[in-house]
Amino acid sequence: TYRCHPGGAIAKHRVLPHGGISLCLRHAGGEDEGSPSEVILLGPVHHARAYEPKVGEVLRGVEVCPEWARSLLRVAPEEHVDRIRSWKEATGRGDLDTLPRRSSDATAGFRLLLGWLEARVQGLGQDSSARIAHAGLRRLRSSPEGSVSVVAASLGLSTRHLRRIITGLIGASPKHLQRLARLNRVVMEADGLKDPSWAGLAVRHGFFDQAHLIREVRALTTVTPTTLHAERRAQPVPFFQSSSPFSS
């Protein structure tokens, strides 16, 4: 949930790269009844971008593992990378058009959105490819040094077969998704530290050394770890991004 209160400070936020795809309800003018609202789809973020909310904006969303996007949302993640679009524009479907109008306020509207999503979850069939991809990616996301070949073997698959399943469902390689998860883990830990030891963080999160961490952070966010840390600490509104948002 994000709220930009009228009269409050507007915090421009650097959205970090991550592999998830989010379904959100956005109220442009606050949470009161009658506030203009729409359902939007936030695609996977492969390149860091700036987000500067409008005064009064309220955004509530739920992030879905990209391996479930096709079966759960009927959306191909690779078609929405770095894009923010209305649900109807993104999918060509009007099945969520009436949802904002049926709600009395932003909280009630989001409950309706969650209800729609939960109904979709209950109706999921045995999507074996998505289940295999999820099992593999759960291991890779939780382990900064996890090997695709070792994970594949633990699932009784060849490395090539696991890579093909994941890339086919998501449009990104398992190593790239693991790389994004590692970035978010290190940033999350640094957020809680006034003066992070980047060398120590590098060791704990599976980087070769501090120089490797610096190169990775700069490549994925366009700034150094020190600059990113200072930028996030200076924000008047905290933005929390889970280090392992797809663990279950």
Foldseek 3Di string as FASTA:
>chain_A
DDWQEVVDDWAKDWDFFAQWKKWKKKFQAAWAFPGDIAIKIQAGEQAIDIDTHDHRMDMDIDIDHLLCCCQQVVAARVVRYRHMGTPCVRPVDCPCVCLSVVARTRVRSVVVVVVSSVVSVVPGDCPPLSVLLLQLLLVLLVALPDDLQVSQVVVVHGSVVNQCSNCVRHVDGSVSNSLSLLLLQLLQVLLVDPDDDLQVSCVVSPHPGSVRQQVSCCVRHVDGPVVNSVSQNPGPDHDDDDSRSSND
